[in-house]
Amino acid sequence: MGLSRKDRLRKNEDFERVITGGKSVADPRLVVYYERRDDGGRAVGVSVGRRLGDAVLRNRYKRRLREILRRALPHIRPGYNLVVLLRRGGIGAEFSELEASLLRLLKRAKLWQESEGVPPSLEDGDASGTCGAEGEGWEG
């Protein structure tokens, strides 16, 4: 199951507002743009630019990033909108490398909060990155 509709940014104007009006943290693979919101909710969006590859490649990386965000969502501090942008350095990265990059960036931006009880979902399960990659089917 993917991100629910209420957890996703969908409108171009929402993406633009977060990217132009918010703050950002980056590494060679990803950029995370974030903006405070007043209602205490949170929503995330993913962007992979056309210059990074054909539609098949872009969609593969969007699926991977959305899955990483879905797993991370319970640990992302409420009250923010986020846009995760894949950089050229992220092309060819394994699922686990993208996951580690996002976790580091969220911690650097102070958007990561540890949850009590269940260990972070980013650290369990299969992080092999097989969602649509190299001719393999979806796991789960």
N, C-alpha and C. Protein backbone atom coordinates (compact mmCIF):
# COMPACT_ATOMS: atom_id res chain seq x y z
N MET A 1 0.83 -1.18 0.00
CA MET A 1 0.00 0.00 0.00
C MET A 1 0.88 1.24 0.00
N GLY A 2 0.52 2.21 -0.81
CA GLY A 2 1.31 3.42 -0.94
C GLY A 2 0.87 4.50 0.03
N LEU A 3 1.35 5.70 -0.23
CA LEU A 3 0.96 6.85 0.57
C LEU A 3 -0.51 7.18 0.32
N SER A 4 -1.22 7.54 1.36
CA SER A 4 -2.63 7.90 1.18
C SER A 4 -2.72 9.27 0.50
N ARG A 5 -3.87 9.59 -0.04
CA ARG A 5 -4.07 10.87 -0.73
C ARG A 5 -3.79 12.05 0.19
N LYS A 6 -4.20 11.94 1.44
CA LYS A 6 -4.01 13.07 2.35
C LYS A 6 -2.54 13.28 2.71
N ASP A 7 -1.71 12.26 2.51
CA ASP A 7 -0.29 12.35 2.84
C ASP A 7 0.56 12.83 1.67
N ARG A 8 -0.06 13.06 0.50
CA ARG A 8 0.72 13.41 -0.69
C ARG A 8 0.42 14.82 -1.17
N LEU A 9 1.46 15.51 -1.60
CA LEU A 9 1.28 16.76 -2.32
C LEU A 9 0.96 16.38 -3.75
N ARG A 10 -0.07 17.00 -4.33
CA ARG A 10 -0.47 16.62 -5.68
C ARG A 10 -0.45 17.78 -6.67
N LYS A 11 -0.68 18.98 -6.21
CA LYS A 11 -0.79 20.12 -7.11
C LYS A 11 0.58 20.75 -7.37
N ASN A 12 0.79 21.16 -8.62
CA ASN A 12 2.03 21.81 -9.00
C ASN A 12 2.30 23.03 -8.12
N GLU A 13 1.26 23.79 -7.80
CA GLU A 13 1.43 24.99 -6.99
C GLU A 13 1.91 24.64 -5.57
N ASP A 14 1.50 23.48 -5.05
CA ASP A 14 1.98 23.05 -3.73
C ASP A 14 3.47 22.73 -3.78
N PHE A 15 3.89 22.02 -4.84
CA PHE A 15 5.32 21.72 -5.02
C PHE A 15 6.11 23.02 -5.12
N GLU A 16 5.65 23.94 -5.96
CA GLU A 16 6.37 25.20 -6.17
C GLU A 16 6.47 26.00 -4.87
N ARG A 17 5.39 26.04 -4.09
CA ARG A 17 5.39 26.79 -2.83
C ARG A 17 6.43 26.23 -1.87
N VAL A 18 6.51 24.91 -1.75
CA VAL A 18 7.48 24.29 -0.84
C VAL A 18 8.90 24.54 -1.34
N ILE A 19 9.12 24.37 -2.64
CA ILE A 19 10.47 24.52 -3.19
C ILE A 19 10.95 25.97 -3.13
N THR A 20 10.09 26.92 -3.47
CA THR A 20 10.53 28.31 -3.51
C THR A 20 10.44 29.01 -2.16
N GLY A 21 9.47 28.62 -1.32
CA GLY A 21 9.27 29.32 -0.07
C GLY A 21 9.82 28.64 1.15
N GLY A 22 10.29 27.42 1.00
CA GLY A 22 10.74 26.66 2.15
C GLY A 22 12.25 26.64 2.29
N LYS A 23 12.72 25.79 3.18
CA LYS A 23 14.15 25.58 3.40
C LYS A 23 14.53 24.27 2.73
N SER A 24 15.84 24.00 2.66
CA SER A 24 16.27 22.76 2.03
C SER A 24 17.54 22.23 2.68
N VAL A 25 17.70 20.91 2.56
CA VAL A 25 18.93 20.22 2.92
C VAL A 25 19.23 19.28 1.76
N ALA A 26 20.52 19.05 1.50
CA ALA A 26 20.87 18.26 0.31
C ALA A 26 22.11 17.43 0.56
N ASP A 27 22.22 16.38 -0.23
CA ASP A 27 23.44 15.60 -0.35
C ASP A 27 23.59 15.28 -1.84
N PRO A 28 24.59 14.50 -2.24
CA PRO A 28 24.77 14.25 -3.68
C PRO A 28 23.61 13.49 -4.33
N ARG A 29 22.79 12.79 -3.55
CA ARG A 29 21.70 11.98 -4.13
C ARG A 29 20.34 12.68 -4.11
N LEU A 30 20.05 13.41 -3.04
CA LEU A 30 18.71 13.95 -2.83
C LEU A 30 18.75 15.38 -2.33
N VAL A 31 17.67 16.10 -2.58
CA VAL A 31 17.40 17.39 -1.94
C VAL A 31 16.04 17.25 -1.25
N VAL A 32 15.95 17.67 0.00
CA VAL A 32 14.68 17.69 0.71
C VAL A 32 14.32 19.16 0.95
N TYR A 33 13.23 19.60 0.35
CA TYR A 33 12.68 20.92 0.59
C TYR A 33 11.57 20.75 1.63
N TYR A 34 11.48 21.67 2.57
CA TYR A 34 10.44 21.56 3.58
C TYR A 34 9.92 22.94 3.96
N GLU A 35 8.64 22.95 4.31
CA GLU A 35 7.96 24.20 4.64
C GLU A 35 6.99 23.92 5.79
N ARG A 36 6.97 24.82 6.74
CA ARG A 36 6.06 24.70 7.88
C ARG A 36 4.62 24.90 7.41
N ARG A 37 3.69 24.20 8.02
CA ARG A 37 2.27 24.42 7.74
C ARG A 37 1.55 24.65 9.06
N ASP A 38 0.50 25.43 9.00
CA ASP A 38 -0.18 25.88 10.21
C ASP A 38 -1.12 24.85 10.82
N ASP A 39 -1.64 23.95 10.01
CA ASP A 39 -2.69 23.05 10.51
C ASP A 39 -2.15 21.82 11.24
N GLY A 40 -0.83 21.68 11.34
CA GLY A 40 -0.25 20.55 12.06
C GLY A 40 -0.21 19.25 11.27
N GLY A 41 -0.71 19.26 10.05
CA GLY A 41 -0.66 18.06 9.21
C GLY A 41 0.70 17.92 8.55
N ARG A 42 0.80 16.93 7.68
CA ARG A 42 2.04 16.77 6.92
C ARG A 42 1.69 16.12 5.59
N ALA A 43 2.43 16.51 4.57
CA ALA A 43 2.25 15.93 3.24
C ALA A 43 3.61 15.91 2.56
N VAL A 44 3.80 14.93 1.69
CA VAL A 44 5.08 14.76 1.01
C VAL A 44 4.86 14.63 -0.49
N GLY A 45 5.87 15.03 -1.24
CA GLY A 45 5.84 14.88 -2.68
C GLY A 45 7.21 14.47 -3.18
N VAL A 46 7.25 13.89 -4.36
CA VAL A 46 8.49 13.40 -4.96
C VAL A 46 8.62 14.00 -6.35
N SER A 47 9.84 14.40 -6.71
CA SER A 47 10.07 14.93 -8.04
C SER A 47 11.37 14.35 -8.60
N VAL A 48 11.29 13.89 -9.85
CA VAL A 48 12.46 13.40 -10.57
C VAL A 48 12.45 14.11 -11.92
N GLY A 49 13.42 14.96 -12.16
CA GLY A 49 13.46 15.79 -13.36
C GLY A 49 13.64 15.00 -14.65
N ARG A 50 13.14 15.56 -15.73
CA ARG A 50 13.24 14.92 -17.04
C ARG A 50 14.67 14.71 -17.50
N ARG A 51 15.56 15.57 -17.06
CA ARG A 51 16.96 15.46 -17.50
C ARG A 51 17.65 14.22 -16.95
N LEU A 52 17.05 13.57 -15.95
CA LEU A 52 17.69 12.43 -15.31
C LEU A 52 17.49 11.11 -16.05
N GLY A 53 16.56 11.05 -16.99
CA GLY A 53 16.37 9.81 -17.72
C GLY A 53 15.01 9.72 -18.36
N ASP A 54 14.76 8.59 -18.99
CA ASP A 54 13.47 8.40 -19.66
C ASP A 54 12.37 8.14 -18.63
N ALA A 55 11.14 8.05 -19.10
CA ALA A 55 9.99 7.93 -18.20
C ALA A 55 10.06 6.67 -17.34
N VAL A 56 10.54 5.58 -17.90
CA VAL A 56 10.63 4.33 -17.14
C VAL A 56 11.56 4.51 -15.94
N LEU A 57 12.72 5.12 -16.17
CA LEU A 57 13.69 5.34 -15.10
C LEU A 57 13.14 6.32 -14.06
N ARG A 58 12.56 7.43 -14.53
CA ARG A 58 12.01 8.42 -13.60
C ARG A 58 10.92 7.82 -12.73
N ASN A 59 10.03 7.05 -13.33
CA ASN A 59 8.94 6.44 -12.56
C ASN A 59 9.46 5.41 -11.57
N ARG A 60 10.50 4.67 -11.94
CA ARG A 60 11.10 3.69 -11.02
C ARG A 60 11.61 4.40 -9.76
N TYR A 61 12.32 5.51 -9.97
CA TYR A 61 12.86 6.23 -8.82
C TYR A 61 11.77 6.92 -8.02
N LYS A 62 10.72 7.39 -8.67
CA LYS A 62 9.59 7.97 -7.93
C LYS A 62 8.93 6.92 -7.05
N ARG A 63 8.75 5.71 -7.58
CA ARG A 63 8.17 4.62 -6.77
C ARG A 63 9.05 4.31 -5.57
N ARG A 64 10.35 4.24 -5.80
CA ARG A 64 11.26 3.94 -4.69
C ARG A 64 11.19 5.02 -3.62
N LEU A 65 11.25 6.28 -4.05
CA LEU A 65 11.22 7.37 -3.08
C LEU A 65 9.90 7.44 -2.33
N ARG A 66 8.79 7.19 -3.02
CA ARG A 66 7.49 7.18 -2.34
C ARG A 66 7.42 6.06 -1.30
N GLU A 67 7.98 4.90 -1.62
CA GLU A 67 7.99 3.80 -0.65
C GLU A 67 8.85 4.15 0.56
N ILE A 68 9.99 4.76 0.33
CA ILE A 68 10.84 5.19 1.44
C ILE A 68 10.10 6.19 2.31
N LEU A 69 9.42 7.14 1.68
CA LEU A 69 8.65 8.13 2.43
C LEU A 69 7.49 7.49 3.18
N ARG A 70 6.84 6.52 2.57
CA ARG A 70 5.74 5.83 3.25
C ARG A 70 6.23 5.18 4.54
N ARG A 71 7.39 4.54 4.47
CA ARG A 71 7.96 3.91 5.66
C ARG A 71 8.38 4.94 6.70
N ALA A 72 8.86 6.09 6.22
CA ALA A 72 9.38 7.12 7.12
C ALA A 72 8.29 8.00 7.71
N LEU A 73 7.13 8.05 7.09
CA LEU A 73 6.09 9.01 7.46
C LEU A 73 5.76 9.04 8.95
N PRO A 74 5.65 7.90 9.63
CA PRO A 74 5.34 7.97 11.07
C PRO A 74 6.42 8.68 11.89
N HIS A 75 7.62 8.81 11.32
CA HIS A 75 8.73 9.42 12.04
C HIS A 75 9.00 10.85 11.61
N ILE A 76 8.29 11.33 10.60
CA ILE A 76 8.48 12.70 10.14
C ILE A 76 7.64 13.62 11.02
N ARG A 77 8.29 14.64 11.53
CA ARG A 77 7.61 15.56 12.44
C ARG A 77 6.38 16.18 11.78
N PRO A 78 5.24 16.16 12.47
CA PRO A 78 4.03 16.78 11.92
C PRO A 78 4.21 18.30 11.78
N GLY A 79 3.42 18.89 10.89
CA GLY A 79 3.45 20.33 10.73
C GLY A 79 4.33 20.80 9.59
N TYR A 80 4.69 19.88 8.68
CA TYR A 80 5.56 20.24 7.55
C TYR A 80 5.09 19.60 6.26
N ASN A 81 5.30 20.31 5.17
CA ASN A 81 5.19 19.74 3.83
C ASN A 81 6.61 19.50 3.34
N LEU A 82 6.83 18.37 2.67
CA LEU A 82 8.16 18.03 2.16
C LEU A 82 8.08 17.71 0.68
N VAL A 83 9.12 18.09 -0.05
CA VAL A 83 9.31 17.65 -1.43
C VAL A 83 10.70 17.04 -1.49
N VAL A 84 10.78 15.80 -1.97
CA VAL A 84 12.06 15.12 -2.13
C VAL A 84 12.38 15.10 -3.61
N LEU A 85 13.54 15.65 -3.95
CA LEU A 85 13.98 15.77 -5.33
C LEU A 85 15.20 14.88 -5.55
N LEU A 86 15.13 14.01 -6.54
CA LEU A 86 16.27 13.15 -6.87
C LEU A 86 17.29 13.96 -7.67
N ARG A 87 18.56 13.85 -7.30
CA ARG A 87 19.64 14.50 -8.04
C ARG A 87 20.34 13.46 -8.92
N ARG A 88 21.17 13.94 -9.82
CA ARG A 88 21.89 13.05 -10.73
C ARG A 88 22.70 12.01 -9.96
N GLY A 89 23.24 12.36 -8.81
CA GLY A 89 24.01 11.43 -7.99
C GLY A 89 23.18 10.28 -7.43
N GLY A 90 21.86 10.41 -7.46
CA GLY A 90 20.99 9.35 -6.97
C GLY A 90 20.69 8.29 -8.00
N ILE A 91 20.95 8.58 -9.28
CA ILE A 91 20.71 7.60 -10.33
C ILE A 91 21.73 6.48 -10.17
N GLY A 92 21.26 5.27 -10.13
CA GLY A 92 22.13 4.11 -9.93
C GLY A 92 22.28 3.72 -8.47
N ALA A 93 21.77 4.55 -7.56
CA ALA A 93 21.87 4.23 -6.13
C ALA A 93 20.89 3.11 -5.78
N GLU A 94 21.31 2.26 -4.89
CA GLU A 94 20.45 1.19 -4.38
C GLU A 94 19.36 1.79 -3.50
N PHE A 95 18.29 1.04 -3.33
CA PHE A 95 17.18 1.45 -2.47
C PHE A 95 17.70 1.82 -1.08
N SER A 96 18.55 0.98 -0.51
CA SER A 96 19.06 1.22 0.85
C SER A 96 19.91 2.48 0.92
N GLU A 97 20.61 2.82 -0.16
CA GLU A 97 21.42 4.04 -0.18
C GLU A 97 20.52 5.28 -0.21
N LEU A 98 19.45 5.22 -1.01
CA LEU A 98 18.50 6.33 -1.04
C LEU A 98 17.82 6.49 0.32
N GLU A 99 17.48 5.36 0.93
CA GLU A 99 16.85 5.36 2.24
C GLU A 99 17.76 6.02 3.28
N ALA A 100 19.03 5.63 3.27
CA ALA A 100 19.99 6.19 4.22
C ALA A 100 20.19 7.69 3.98
N SER A 101 20.23 8.10 2.71
CA SER A 101 20.36 9.52 2.38
C SER A 101 19.19 10.31 2.93
N LEU A 102 17.98 9.81 2.69
CA LEU A 102 16.80 10.53 3.16
C LEU A 102 16.79 10.62 4.68
N LEU A 103 17.12 9.54 5.35
CA LEU A 103 17.15 9.55 6.82
C LEU A 103 18.14 10.59 7.33
N ARG A 104 19.34 10.63 6.76
CA ARG A 104 20.34 11.62 7.17
C ARG A 104 19.83 13.05 6.96
N LEU A 105 19.20 13.29 5.80
CA LEU A 105 18.71 14.64 5.50
C LEU A 105 17.57 15.04 6.44
N LEU A 106 16.67 14.11 6.74
CA LEU A 106 15.58 14.42 7.66
C LEU A 106 16.12 14.74 9.05
N LYS A 107 17.13 14.00 9.48
CA LYS A 107 17.74 14.28 10.79
C LYS A 107 18.45 15.62 10.78
N ARG A 108 19.15 15.93 9.68
CA ARG A 108 19.85 17.20 9.58
C ARG A 108 18.87 18.38 9.63
N ALA A 109 17.70 18.20 9.02
CA ALA A 109 16.68 19.26 9.02
C ALA A 109 15.86 19.26 10.31
N LYS A 110 16.16 18.34 11.22
CA LYS A 110 15.42 18.19 12.48
C LYS A 110 13.95 17.87 12.25
N LEU A 111 13.68 17.09 11.21
CA LEU A 111 12.32 16.67 10.89
C LEU A 111 12.07 15.22 11.29
N TRP A 112 13.08 14.53 11.79
CA TRP A 112 12.96 13.12 12.17
C TRP A 112 12.67 13.04 13.66
N GLN A 113 11.69 12.24 14.02
CA GLN A 113 11.41 12.00 15.43
C GLN A 113 11.29 10.50 15.65
N GLU A 114 11.98 10.02 16.66
CA GLU A 114 11.90 8.60 16.98
C GLU A 114 10.53 8.31 17.58
N SER A 115 9.95 7.19 17.20
CA SER A 115 8.67 6.78 17.77
C SER A 115 8.93 5.76 18.86
N GLU A 116 8.07 5.77 19.86
CA GLU A 116 8.20 4.78 20.93
C GLU A 116 7.57 3.48 20.48
N GLY A 117 8.03 2.39 21.05
CA GLY A 117 7.44 1.09 20.74
C GLY A 117 8.11 0.45 19.55
N VAL A 118 7.46 0.49 18.43
CA VAL A 118 7.94 -0.18 17.22
C VAL A 118 9.21 0.50 16.74
N PRO A 119 10.26 -0.26 16.40
CA PRO A 119 11.46 0.35 15.87
C PRO A 119 11.16 1.01 14.52
N PRO A 120 11.97 2.00 14.12
CA PRO A 120 11.71 2.70 12.86
C PRO A 120 11.57 1.73 11.70
N SER A 121 10.54 1.91 10.91
CA SER A 121 10.27 1.00 9.79
C SER A 121 11.35 1.10 8.73
N LEU A 122 12.14 2.16 8.76
CA LEU A 122 13.22 2.27 7.78
C LEU A 122 14.31 1.25 8.04
N GLU A 123 14.37 0.74 9.26
CA GLU A 123 15.45 -0.17 9.61
C GLU A 123 15.04 -1.63 9.60
N ASP A 124 13.80 -1.92 9.19
CA ASP A 124 13.40 -3.32 9.14
C ASP A 124 12.88 -3.66 7.76
N GLY A 125 12.59 -4.91 7.56
CA GLY A 125 12.03 -5.33 6.28
C GLY A 125 13.08 -5.43 5.20
N ASP A 126 12.60 -5.67 4.00
CA ASP A 126 13.47 -5.85 2.85
C ASP A 126 13.76 -4.51 2.22
N ALA A 127 14.99 -4.09 2.26
CA ALA A 127 15.40 -2.83 1.65
C ALA A 127 16.22 -3.11 0.40
N SER A 128 15.87 -4.15 -0.32
CA SER A 128 16.66 -4.52 -1.50
C SER A 128 16.39 -3.64 -2.70
N GLY A 129 15.32 -2.86 -2.65
CA GLY A 129 15.03 -1.96 -3.76
C GLY A 129 14.48 -2.65 -4.98
N THR A 130 13.69 -3.68 -4.82
CA THR A 130 13.22 -4.43 -5.97
C THR A 130 11.92 -3.91 -6.55
N CYS A 131 11.44 -2.77 -6.08
CA CYS A 131 10.16 -2.30 -6.60
C CYS A 131 10.33 -1.80 -8.03
N GLY A 132 10.14 -2.70 -8.96
CA GLY A 132 10.15 -2.36 -10.37
C GLY A 132 11.53 -2.29 -11.01
N ALA A 133 12.55 -2.66 -10.31
CA ALA A 133 13.90 -2.53 -10.84
C ALA A 133 14.35 -3.78 -11.58
N GLU A 134 15.10 -3.58 -12.62
CA GLU A 134 15.73 -4.66 -13.37
C GLU A 134 14.80 -5.82 -13.68
N GLY A 135 13.59 -5.52 -14.08
CA GLY A 135 12.67 -6.55 -14.52
C GLY A 135 12.03 -7.36 -13.41
N GLU A 136 12.28 -7.00 -12.16
CA GLU A 136 11.68 -7.74 -11.06
C GLU A 136 10.34 -7.13 -10.71
N GLY A 137 9.46 -7.94 -10.14
CA GLY A 137 8.13 -7.46 -9.77
C GLY A 137 8.13 -6.77 -8.43
N TRP A 138 6.99 -6.26 -8.07
CA TRP A 138 6.81 -5.62 -6.77
C TRP A 138 6.87 -6.67 -5.68
N GLU A 139 7.48 -6.31 -4.59
CA GLU A 139 7.52 -7.19 -3.42
C GLU A 139 6.33 -6.85 -2.54
N GLY A 140 5.71 -7.86 -1.97
CA GLY A 140 4.66 -7.62 -0.99
C GLY A 140 3.34 -7.71 -1.51
